[in-house]
């Protein structure tokens, strides 16, 4: 039996799930990678990680 691990929930800033072909990690443009807002709360755009997953390439 091949069981798949559940995917972590996407943050609002994510364009794709981590590991999706054609995507990559980038620094959150809202918190500049800190994972926190100026008042010390978790950044809601990246979910407090400081990283978002974006599509790469293009044409």
N, C-alpha and C. Protein backbone atom coordinates (compact mmCIF):
# COMPACT_ATOMS: atom_id res chain seq x y z
N UNK A 1 0.84 -1.17 0.00
CA UNK A 1 0.00 0.00 0.00
C UNK A 1 0.89 1.24 0.00
N UNK A 2 0.61 2.16 -0.88
CA UNK A 2 1.40 3.38 -1.00
C UNK A 2 0.64 4.54 -0.37
N UNK A 3 1.04 4.93 0.84
CA UNK A 3 0.37 6.03 1.52
C UNK A 3 1.12 7.32 1.26
N UNK A 4 0.38 8.36 0.93
CA UNK A 4 0.98 9.66 0.69
C UNK A 4 0.84 10.50 1.95
N UNK A 5 1.88 11.29 2.21
CA UNK A 5 1.82 12.22 3.32
C UNK A 5 0.93 13.38 2.91
N UNK A 6 0.13 13.88 3.84
CA UNK A 6 -0.69 15.04 3.49
C UNK A 6 0.19 16.26 3.22
N UNK A 7 -0.19 17.04 2.25
CA UNK A 7 0.55 18.25 1.93
C UNK A 7 0.32 19.29 3.01
N UNK A 8 1.36 20.07 3.33
CA UNK A 8 1.13 21.14 4.30
C UNK A 8 0.19 22.18 3.70
N UNK A 9 -0.57 22.85 4.53
CA UNK A 9 -1.49 23.86 3.97
C UNK A 9 -0.71 24.99 3.30
N UNK A 10 -1.27 25.52 2.24
CA UNK A 10 -0.63 26.63 1.55
C UNK A 10 -0.90 27.93 2.29
N UNK A 11 0.08 28.81 2.28
CA UNK A 11 -0.09 30.15 2.81
C UNK A 11 -0.66 31.02 1.69
N UNK A 12 -1.27 32.15 2.02
CA UNK A 12 -1.84 33.01 0.98
C UNK A 12 -0.83 33.43 -0.10
N UNK A 13 0.44 33.53 0.25
CA UNK A 13 1.45 33.95 -0.71
C UNK A 13 1.97 32.84 -1.60
N UNK A 14 1.63 31.59 -1.30
CA UNK A 14 2.11 30.46 -2.09
C UNK A 14 1.34 30.35 -3.40
N UNK A 15 2.07 30.10 -4.47
CA UNK A 15 1.47 29.87 -5.78
C UNK A 15 1.34 28.37 -6.07
N UNK A 16 2.07 27.56 -5.33
CA UNK A 16 2.07 26.10 -5.54
C UNK A 16 2.50 25.42 -4.25
N UNK A 17 2.22 24.13 -4.17
CA UNK A 17 2.66 23.36 -3.01
C UNK A 17 4.17 23.14 -3.09
N UNK A 18 4.86 23.09 -1.95
CA UNK A 18 6.29 22.82 -1.97
C UNK A 18 6.61 21.54 -2.75
N UNK A 19 7.65 21.59 -3.56
CA UNK A 19 8.08 20.44 -4.34
C UNK A 19 7.40 20.30 -5.68
N UNK A 20 6.47 21.19 -6.00
CA UNK A 20 5.79 21.14 -7.29
C UNK A 20 6.79 21.47 -8.39
N UNK A 21 6.87 20.64 -9.44
CA UNK A 21 7.77 20.97 -10.55
C UNK A 21 7.47 22.35 -11.11
N UNK A 22 8.52 23.10 -11.41
CA UNK A 22 8.35 24.45 -11.94
C UNK A 22 8.11 25.50 -10.88
N UNK A 23 8.38 25.14 -9.61
CA UNK A 23 8.22 26.11 -8.53
C UNK A 23 9.48 26.13 -7.67
N UNK A 24 9.59 27.17 -6.88
CA UNK A 24 10.73 27.28 -5.99
C UNK A 24 10.43 28.21 -4.83
N UNK A 25 11.25 28.17 -3.81
CA UNK A 25 11.07 29.02 -2.63
C UNK A 25 11.63 30.40 -2.90
N UNK A 26 10.99 31.39 -2.29
CA UNK A 26 11.45 32.77 -2.38
C UNK A 26 11.17 33.44 -1.04
N UNK A 27 11.87 34.52 -0.78
CA UNK A 27 11.66 35.30 0.43
C UNK A 27 10.31 36.00 0.37
N UNK A 28 9.58 35.97 1.45
CA UNK A 28 8.28 36.62 1.52
C UNK A 28 8.45 38.12 1.31
N UNK A 29 7.72 38.70 0.35
CA UNK A 29 7.86 40.13 0.08
C UNK A 29 7.18 41.01 1.14
N UNK A 30 6.32 40.43 1.95
CA UNK A 30 5.60 41.22 2.95
C UNK A 30 6.44 41.42 4.21
N UNK A 31 7.05 40.35 4.71
CA UNK A 31 7.84 40.43 5.95
C UNK A 31 9.35 40.43 5.68
N UNK A 32 9.73 40.39 4.41
CA UNK A 32 11.15 40.35 4.01
C UNK A 32 11.89 39.17 4.61
N UNK A 33 11.18 38.05 4.76
CA UNK A 33 11.82 36.82 5.21
C UNK A 33 11.91 36.64 6.71
N UNK A 34 11.42 37.60 7.48
CA UNK A 34 11.51 37.48 8.94
C UNK A 34 10.43 36.56 9.51
N UNK A 35 9.30 36.44 8.80
CA UNK A 35 8.19 35.64 9.30
C UNK A 35 7.32 36.39 10.29
N UNK A 36 7.68 37.62 10.60
CA UNK A 36 6.96 38.42 11.60
C UNK A 36 6.53 39.77 11.02
N UNK A 37 5.43 40.29 11.56
CA UNK A 37 4.99 41.63 11.22
C UNK A 37 5.70 42.61 12.16
N UNK A 38 5.64 43.90 11.88
CA UNK A 38 6.31 44.87 12.77
C UNK A 38 5.84 44.80 14.23
N UNK A 39 4.61 44.31 14.46
CA UNK A 39 4.14 44.20 15.85
C UNK A 39 4.47 42.85 16.49
N UNK A 40 5.28 42.03 15.80
CA UNK A 40 5.76 40.77 16.37
C UNK A 40 4.88 39.56 16.13
N UNK A 41 3.79 39.73 15.40
CA UNK A 41 2.91 38.59 15.10
C UNK A 41 3.40 37.86 13.87
N UNK A 42 2.97 36.59 13.72
CA UNK A 42 3.33 35.83 12.52
C UNK A 42 2.76 36.52 11.28
N UNK A 43 3.57 36.58 10.23
CA UNK A 43 3.14 37.15 8.96
C UNK A 43 2.05 36.25 8.37
N UNK A 44 0.91 36.84 8.01
CA UNK A 44 -0.18 36.04 7.47
C UNK A 44 0.04 35.66 6.01
N UNK A 45 0.90 36.39 5.30
CA UNK A 45 1.14 36.11 3.89
C UNK A 45 1.95 34.83 3.69
N UNK A 46 2.94 34.61 4.54
CA UNK A 46 3.79 33.42 4.43
C UNK A 46 3.52 32.40 5.53
N UNK A 47 2.59 32.69 6.41
CA UNK A 47 2.28 31.78 7.51
C UNK A 47 3.35 31.76 8.59
N UNK A 48 4.16 32.81 8.64
CA UNK A 48 5.20 32.90 9.67
C UNK A 48 6.49 32.19 9.32
N UNK A 49 6.61 31.66 8.10
CA UNK A 49 7.84 30.95 7.72
C UNK A 49 8.89 31.87 7.13
N UNK A 50 8.46 33.00 6.56
CA UNK A 50 9.39 33.91 5.87
C UNK A 50 9.65 33.48 4.44
N UNK A 51 9.03 32.37 4.01
CA UNK A 51 9.27 31.83 2.66
C UNK A 51 7.93 31.55 1.99
N UNK A 52 7.86 31.88 0.70
CA UNK A 52 6.70 31.54 -0.11
C UNK A 52 7.16 30.66 -1.26
N UNK A 53 6.27 29.89 -1.84
CA UNK A 53 6.58 29.05 -2.99
C UNK A 53 5.97 29.69 -4.22
N UNK A 54 6.81 29.98 -5.22
CA UNK A 54 6.39 30.67 -6.42
C UNK A 54 6.69 29.84 -7.66
N UNK A 55 5.96 30.14 -8.71
CA UNK A 55 6.28 29.55 -10.00
C UNK A 55 7.55 30.17 -10.54
N UNK A 56 8.39 29.39 -11.21
CA UNK A 56 9.63 29.91 -11.79
C UNK A 56 9.58 29.75 -13.29
N UNK A 57 10.45 30.44 -13.94
CA UNK A 57 10.53 30.35 -15.40
C UNK A 57 9.48 31.21 -16.05
N UNK A 58 9.11 30.85 -17.20
CA UNK A 58 8.10 31.63 -17.92
C UNK A 58 8.59 31.91 -19.32
N UNK A 59 7.80 32.65 -20.00
CA UNK A 59 8.22 32.91 -21.36
C UNK A 59 7.51 33.98 -22.02
